[in-house]
Amino acid sequence: MDKCIVCGMEVEESTNLKTMYKGKIYRFCSEACKKAFLSDPEGYIKGGPKGMPGMQGHAHHHGHHEDHCC
């Protein structure tokens, strides 16, 4: 099983959410992670997983999204 290079979640090898970059296949857990990778592939390759796109800095605040209230 692979890990999503963007957020670190485990990804099935059979996923359709993948891309090839510099001869290597990268698989993703979501379309958002794939888009994030495509916007800065070198950043993710060099820096590793950074959490779910749009959630940077919120990794330890599950359920506490006051700024996103209805």
PDB file of N, CA and C in Angstrom:
ATOM      1  N   MET A   1       0.841  -1.181   0.000  1.00  0.00           N
ATOM      2  CA  MET A   1       0.000   0.000   0.000  1.00  0.00           C
ATOM      3  C   MET A   1       0.889   1.247   0.000  1.00  0.00           C
ATOM      4  N   ASP A   2       0.522   2.221  -0.813  1.00  0.00           N
ATOM      5  CA  ASP A   2       1.258   3.488  -0.894  1.00  0.00           C
ATOM      6  C   ASP A   2       0.701   4.487   0.106  1.00  0.00           C
ATOM      7  N   LYS A   3       1.434   5.573   0.272  1.00  0.00           N
ATOM      8  CA  LYS A   3       0.949   6.693   1.080  1.00  0.00           C
ATOM      9  C   LYS A   3       0.820   7.912   0.189  1.00  0.00           C
ATOM     10  N   CYS A   4      -0.216   8.681   0.422  1.00  0.00           N
ATOM     11  CA  CYS A   4      -0.429   9.936  -0.306  1.00  0.00           C
ATOM     12  C   CYS A   4       0.718  10.877   0.062  1.00  0.00           C
ATOM     13  N   ILE A   5       1.430  11.363  -0.929  1.00  0.00           N
ATOM     14  CA  ILE A   5       2.578  12.235  -0.686  1.00  0.00           C
ATOM     15  C   ILE A   5       2.156  13.592  -0.122  1.00  0.00           C
ATOM     16  N   VAL A   6       0.897  13.950  -0.289  1.00  0.00           N
ATOM     17  CA  VAL A   6       0.417  15.257   0.176  1.00  0.00           C
ATOM     18  C   VAL A   6       0.036  15.231   1.651  1.00  0.00           C
ATOM     19  N   CYS A   7      -0.751  14.208   2.069  1.00  0.00           N
ATOM     20  CA  CYS A   7      -1.238  14.198   3.452  1.00  0.00           C
ATOM     21  C   CYS A   7      -0.740  13.026   4.283  1.00  0.00           C
ATOM     22  N   GLY A   8      -0.182  12.006   3.631  1.00  0.00           N
ATOM     23  CA  GLY A   8       0.360  10.871   4.361  1.00  0.00           C
ATOM     24  C   GLY A   8      -0.607   9.722   4.588  1.00  0.00           C
ATOM     25  N   MET A   9      -1.857   9.853   4.150  1.00  0.00           N
ATOM     26  CA  MET A   9      -2.827   8.762   4.324  1.00  0.00           C
ATOM     27  C   MET A   9      -2.466   7.585   3.421  1.00  0.00           C
ATOM     28  N   GLU A  10      -2.838   6.379   3.855  1.00  0.00           N
ATOM     29  CA  GLU A  10      -2.602   5.207   3.031  1.00  0.00           C
ATOM     30  C   GLU A  10      -3.534   5.218   1.826  1.00  0.00           C
ATOM     31  N   VAL A  11      -3.000   4.757   0.688  1.00  0.00           N
ATOM     32  CA  VAL A  11      -3.734   4.787  -0.571  1.00  0.00           C
ATOM     33  C   VAL A  11      -3.625   3.415  -1.239  1.00  0.00           C
ATOM     34  N   GLU A  12      -4.735   2.912  -1.724  1.00  0.00           N
ATOM     35  CA  GLU A  12      -4.742   1.643  -2.460  1.00  0.00           C
ATOM     36  C   GLU A  12      -4.000   1.824  -3.777  1.00  0.00           C
ATOM     37  N   GLU A  13      -3.233   0.817  -4.167  1.00  0.00           N
ATOM     38  CA  GLU A  13      -2.511   0.889  -5.435  1.00  0.00           C
ATOM     39  C   GLU A  13      -3.459   0.939  -6.622  1.00  0.00           C
ATOM     40  N   SER A  14      -4.692   0.473  -6.448  1.00  0.00           N
ATOM     41  CA  SER A  14      -5.667   0.429  -7.533  1.00  0.00           C
ATOM     42  C   SER A  14      -6.389   1.760  -7.753  1.00  0.00           C
ATOM     43  N   THR A  15      -6.073   2.785  -6.977  1.00  0.00           N
ATOM     44  CA  THR A  15      -6.761   4.069  -7.108  1.00  0.00           C
ATOM     45  C   THR A  15      -6.590   4.670  -8.498  1.00  0.00           C
ATOM     46  N   ASN A  16      -7.599   5.392  -8.928  1.00  0.00           N
ATOM     47  CA  ASN A  16      -7.519   6.139 -10.188  1.00  0.00           C
ATOM     48  C   ASN A  16      -6.924   7.524  -9.967  1.00  0.00           C
ATOM     49  N   LEU A  17      -6.777   7.909  -8.706  1.00  0.00           N
ATOM     50  CA  LEU A  17      -6.218   9.219  -8.375  1.00  0.00           C
ATOM     51  C   LEU A  17      -4.700   9.110  -8.340  1.00  0.00           C
ATOM     52  N   LYS A  18      -4.091   9.280  -9.494  1.00  0.00           N
ATOM     53  CA  LYS A  18      -2.634   9.161  -9.587  1.00  0.00           C
ATOM     54  C   LYS A  18      -2.126  10.025 -10.727  1.00  0.00           C
ATOM     55  N   THR A  19      -0.830  10.265 -10.686  1.00  0.00           N
ATOM     56  CA  THR A  19      -0.175  11.007 -11.755  1.00  0.00           C
ATOM     57  C   THR A  19       1.265  10.531 -11.841  1.00  0.00           C
ATOM     58  N   MET A  20       1.868  10.742 -12.995  1.00  0.00           N
ATOM     59  CA  MET A  20       3.277  10.422 -13.145  1.00  0.00           C
ATOM     60  C   MET A  20       4.053  11.734 -13.184  1.00  0.00           C
ATOM     61  N   TYR A  21       5.116  11.787 -12.427  1.00  0.00           N
ATOM     62  CA  TYR A  21       5.962  12.978 -12.388  1.00  0.00           C
ATOM     63  C   TYR A  21       7.411  12.527 -12.400  1.00  0.00           C
ATOM     64  N   LYS A  22       8.159  12.972 -13.384  1.00  0.00           N
ATOM     65  CA  LYS A  22       9.575  12.617 -13.539  1.00  0.00           C
ATOM     66  C   LYS A  22       9.789  11.103 -13.473  1.00  0.00           C
ATOM     67  N   GLY A  23       8.900  10.365 -14.152  1.00  0.00           N
ATOM     68  CA  GLY A  23       9.047   8.927 -14.262  1.00  0.00           C
ATOM     69  C   GLY A  23       8.558   8.113 -13.078  1.00  0.00           C
ATOM     70  N   LYS A  24       8.003   8.750 -12.066  1.00  0.00           N
ATOM     71  CA  LYS A  24       7.506   8.036 -10.893  1.00  0.00           C
ATOM     72  C   LYS A  24       6.002   8.255 -10.765  1.00  0.00           C
ATOM     73  N   ILE A  25       5.279   7.203 -10.377  1.00  0.00           N
ATOM     74  CA  ILE A  25       3.834   7.317 -10.174  1.00  0.00           C
ATOM     75  C   ILE A  25       3.564   7.714  -8.729  1.00  0.00           C
ATOM     76  N   TYR A  26       2.734   8.728  -8.565  1.00  0.00           N
ATOM     77  CA  TYR A  26       2.287   9.184  -7.249  1.00  0.00           C
ATOM     78  C   TYR A  26       0.791   8.959  -7.160  1.00  0.00           C
ATOM     79  N   ARG A  27       0.347   8.345  -6.053  1.00  0.00           N
ATOM     80  CA  ARG A  27      -1.069   8.061  -5.832  1.00  0.00           C
ATOM     81  C   ARG A  27      -1.584   8.968  -4.716  1.00  0.00           C
ATOM     82  N   PHE A  28      -2.868   9.300  -4.807  1.00  0.00           N
ATOM     83  CA  PHE A  28      -3.457  10.258  -3.873  1.00  0.00           C
ATOM     84  C   PHE A  28      -4.736   9.713  -3.255  1.00  0.00           C
ATOM     85  N   CYS A  29      -5.064  10.198  -2.067  1.00  0.00           N
ATOM     86  CA  CYS A  29      -6.264   9.751  -1.369  1.00  0.00           C
ATOM     87  C   CYS A  29      -7.490  10.550  -1.795  1.00  0.00           C
ATOM     88  N   SER A  30      -7.281  11.715  -2.405  1.00  0.00           N
ATOM     89  CA  SER A  30      -8.409  12.558  -2.810  1.00  0.00           C
ATOM     90  C   SER A  30      -8.018  13.434  -3.996  1.00  0.00           C
ATOM     91  N   GLU A  31      -9.008  13.964  -4.650  1.00  0.00           N
ATOM     92  CA  GLU A  31      -8.776  14.886  -5.760  1.00  0.00           C
ATOM     93  C   GLU A  31      -8.081  16.151  -5.261  1.00  0.00           C
ATOM     94  N   ALA A  32      -8.423  16.582  -4.036  1.00  0.00           N
ATOM     95  CA  ALA A  32      -7.793  17.780  -3.469  1.00  0.00           C
ATOM     96  C   ALA A  32      -6.289  17.569  -3.285  1.00  0.00           C
ATOM     97  N   CYS A  33      -5.896  16.377  -2.833  1.00  0.00           N
ATOM     98  CA  CYS A  33      -4.470  16.095  -2.664  1.00  0.00           C
ATOM     99  C   CYS A  33      -3.768  16.039  -4.013  1.00  0.00           C
ATOM    100  N   LYS A  34      -4.423  15.475  -5.004  1.00  0.00           N
ATOM    101  CA  LYS A  34      -3.821  15.413  -6.339  1.00  0.00           C
ATOM    102  C   LYS A  34      -3.609  16.823  -6.890  1.00  0.00           C
ATOM    103  N   LYS A  35      -4.603  17.682  -6.735  1.00  0.00           N
ATOM    104  CA  LYS A  35      -4.485  19.064  -7.224  1.00  0.00           C
ATOM    105  C   LYS A  35      -3.379  19.807  -6.482  1.00  0.00           C
ATOM    106  N   ALA A  36      -3.290  19.577  -5.172  1.00  0.00           N
ATOM    107  CA  ALA A  36      -2.245  20.241  -4.381  1.00  0.00           C
ATOM    108  C   ALA A  36      -0.864  19.807  -4.864  1.00  0.00           C
ATOM    109  N   PHE A  37      -0.696  18.511  -5.106  1.00  0.00           N
ATOM    110  CA  PHE A  37       0.591  18.012  -5.592  1.00  0.00           C
ATOM    111  C   PHE A  37       0.926  18.624  -6.944  1.00  0.00           C
ATOM    112  N   LEU A  38      -0.036  18.645  -7.849  1.00  0.00           N
ATOM    113  CA  LEU A  38       0.220  19.177  -9.189  1.00  0.00           C
ATOM    114  C   LEU A  38       0.563  20.665  -9.166  1.00  0.00           C
ATOM    115  N   SER A  39       0.118  21.375  -8.143  1.00  0.00           N
ATOM    116  CA  SER A  39       0.433  22.799  -8.049  1.00  0.00           C
ATOM    117  C   SER A  39       1.852  23.049  -7.525  1.00  0.00           C
ATOM    118  N   ASP A  40       2.451  22.053  -6.840  1.00  0.00           N
ATOM    119  CA  ASP A  40       3.801  22.208  -6.285  1.00  0.00           C
ATOM    120  C   ASP A  40       4.455  20.844  -6.067  1.00  0.00           C
ATOM    121  N   PRO A  41       4.675  20.082  -7.146  1.00  0.00           N
ATOM    122  CA  PRO A  41       5.224  18.734  -6.964  1.00  0.00           C
ATOM    123  C   PRO A  41       6.568  18.704  -6.248  1.00  0.00           C
ATOM    124  N   GLU A  42       7.465  19.589  -6.586  1.00  0.00           N
ATOM    125  CA  GLU A  42       8.787  19.591  -5.950  1.00  0.00           C
ATOM    126  C   GLU A  42       8.694  19.883  -4.456  1.00  0.00           C
ATOM    127  N   GLY A  43       7.772  20.734  -4.066  1.00  0.00           N
ATOM    128  CA  GLY A  43       7.587  21.049  -2.650  1.00  0.00           C
ATOM    129  C   GLY A  43       7.196  19.823  -1.845  1.00  0.00           C
ATOM    130  N   TYR A  44       6.314  18.999  -2.411  1.00  0.00           N
ATOM    131  CA  TYR A  44       5.897  17.777  -1.721  1.00  0.00           C
ATOM    132  C   TYR A  44       6.959  16.700  -1.779  1.00  0.00           C
ATOM    133  N   ILE A  45       7.664  16.605  -2.890  1.00  0.00           N
ATOM    134  CA  ILE A  45       8.722  15.605  -3.004  1.00  0.00           C
ATOM    135  C   ILE A  45       9.843  15.910  -2.011  1.00  0.00           C
ATOM    136  N   LYS A  46      10.218  17.166  -1.907  1.00  0.00           N
ATOM    137  CA  LYS A  46      11.311  17.558  -1.003  1.00  0.00           C
ATOM    138  C   LYS A  46      10.850  17.681   0.444  1.00  0.00           C
ATOM    139  N   GLY A  47       9.610  18.156   0.654  1.00  0.00           N
ATOM    140  CA  GLY A  47       9.145  18.440   2.005  1.00  0.00           C
ATOM    141  C   GLY A  47       8.292  17.366   2.641  1.00  0.00           C
ATOM    142  N   GLY A  48       7.802  16.418   1.848  1.00  0.00           N
ATOM    143  CA  GLY A  48       6.971  15.359   2.389  1.00  0.00           C
ATOM    144  C   GLY A  48       5.552  15.808   2.674  1.00  0.00           C
ATOM    145  N   PRO A  49       4.764  14.933   3.266  1.00  0.00           N
ATOM    146  CA  PRO A  49       3.360  15.239   3.558  1.00  0.00           C
ATOM    147  C   PRO A  49       3.205  16.470   4.438  1.00  0.00           C
ATOM    148  N   LYS A  50       2.187  17.267   4.121  1.00  0.00           N
ATOM    149  CA  LYS A  50       1.936  18.510   4.856  1.00  0.00           C
ATOM    150  C   LYS A  50       0.530  18.548   5.431  1.00  0.00           C
ATOM    151  N   GLY A  51      -0.207  17.454   5.347  1.00  0.00           N
ATOM    152  CA  GLY A  51      -1.584  17.430   5.831  1.00  0.00           C
ATOM    153  C   GLY A  51      -2.552  17.678   4.687  1.00  0.00           C
ATOM    154  N   MET A  52      -3.820  17.529   4.995  1.00  0.00           N
ATOM    155  CA  MET A  52      -4.848  17.724   3.973  1.00  0.00           C
ATOM    156  C   MET A  52      -4.808  19.151   3.440  1.00  0.00           C
ATOM    157  N   PRO A  53      -4.938  19.319   2.127  1.00  0.00           N
ATOM    158  CA  PRO A  53      -4.947  20.669   1.549  1.00  0.00           C
ATOM    159  C   PRO A  53      -6.027  21.532   2.182  1.00  0.00           C
ATOM    160  N   GLY A  54      -5.681  22.751   2.507  1.00  0.00           N
ATOM    161  CA  GLY A  54      -6.624  23.677   3.127  1.00  0.00           C
ATOM    162  C   GLY A  54      -6.701  23.523   4.633  1.00  0.00           C
ATOM    163  N   MET A  55      -6.047  22.526   5.188  1.00  0.00           N
ATOM    164  CA  MET A  55      -6.101  22.281   6.626  1.00  0.00           C
ATOM    165  C   MET A  55      -4.761  22.515   7.305  1.00  0.00           C
ATOM    166  N   GLN A  56      -3.775  23.070   6.602  1.00  0.00           N
ATOM    167  CA  GLN A  56      -2.474  23.313   7.203  1.00  0.00           C
ATOM    168  C   GLN A  56      -2.656  24.184   8.439  1.00  0.00           C
ATOM    169  N   GLY A  57      -2.013  23.779   9.508  1.00  0.00           N
ATOM    170  CA  GLY A  57      -2.129  24.524  10.753  1.00  0.00           C
ATOM    171  C   GLY A  57      -3.342  24.127  11.571  1.00  0.00           C
ATOM    172  N   HIS A  58      -4.183  23.229  11.039  1.00  0.00           N
ATOM    173  CA  HIS A  58      -5.386  22.814  11.743  1.00  0.00           C
ATOM    174  C   HIS A  58      -5.366  21.329  12.083  1.00  0.00           C
ATOM    175  N   ALA A  59      -4.239  20.678  11.927  1.00  0.00           N
ATOM    176  CA  ALA A  59      -4.151  19.228  12.099  1.00  0.00           C
ATOM    177  C   ALA A  59      -4.560  18.772  13.497  1.00  0.00           C
ATOM    178  N   HIS A  60      -4.367  19.594  14.511  1.00  0.00           N
ATOM    179  CA  HIS A  60      -4.681  19.191  15.875  1.00  0.00           C
ATOM    180  C   HIS A  60      -5.953  19.848  16.387  1.00  0.00           C
ATOM    181  N   HIS A  61      -6.780  20.358  15.486  1.00  0.00           N
ATOM    182  CA  HIS A  61      -7.997  21.060  15.886  1.00  0.00           C
ATOM    183  C   HIS A  61      -9.233  20.410  15.295  1.00  0.00           C
ATOM    184  N   HIS A  62      -9.257  19.098  15.233  1.00  0.00           N
ATOM    185  CA  HIS A  62     -10.399  18.396  14.664  1.00  0.00           C
ATOM    186  C   HIS A  62     -11.669  18.799  15.403  1.00  0.00           C
ATOM    187  N   GLY A  63     -12.680  19.231  14.653  1.00  0.00           N
ATOM    188  CA  GLY A  63     -13.942  19.591  15.247  1.00  0.00           C
ATOM    189  C   GLY A  63     -13.991  21.011  15.772  1.00  0.00           C
ATOM    190  N   HIS A  64     -12.927  21.758  15.657  1.00  0.00           N
ATOM    191  CA  HIS A  64     -12.893  23.128  16.157  1.00  0.00           C
ATOM    192  C   HIS A  64     -12.698  24.099  14.987  1.00  0.00           C
ATOM    193  N   HIS A  65     -13.716  24.234  14.213  1.00  0.00           N
ATOM    194  CA  HIS A  65     -13.626  25.087  13.031  1.00  0.00           C
ATOM    195  C   HIS A  65     -14.593  26.263  13.162  1.00  0.00           C
ATOM    196  N   GLU A  66     -14.440  27.036  14.219  1.00  0.00           N
ATOM    197  CA  GLU A  66     -15.330  28.162  14.453  1.00  0.00           C
ATOM    198  C   GLU A  66     -15.359  29.146  13.293  1.00  0.00           C
ATOM    199  N   ASP A  67     -14.193  29.282  12.638  1.00  0.00           N
ATOM    200  CA  ASP A  67     -14.117  30.236  11.538  1.00  0.00           C
ATOM    201  C   ASP A  67     -14.833  29.712  10.285  1.00  0.00           C
ATOM    202  N   HIS A  68     -15.332  28.462  10.305  1.00  0.00           N
ATOM    203  CA  HIS A  68     -16.043  27.907   9.167  1.00  0.00           C
ATOM    204  C   HIS A  68     -17.506  27.644   9.505  1.00  0.00           C
ATOM    205  N   CYS A  69     -17.993  28.341  10.452  1.00  0.00           N
ATOM    206  CA  CYS A  69     -19.378  28.111  10.887  1.00  0.00           C
ATOM    207  C   CYS A  69     -20.372  28.566   9.830  1.00  0.00           C
ATOM    208  N   CYS A  70     -21.549  27.999   9.830  1.00  0.00           N
ATOM    209  CA  CYS A  70     -22.605  28.288   8.841  1.00  0.00           C
ATOM    210  C   CYS A  70     -23.069  29.697   8.985  1.00  0.00           C
TER     211      CYS A  70
END
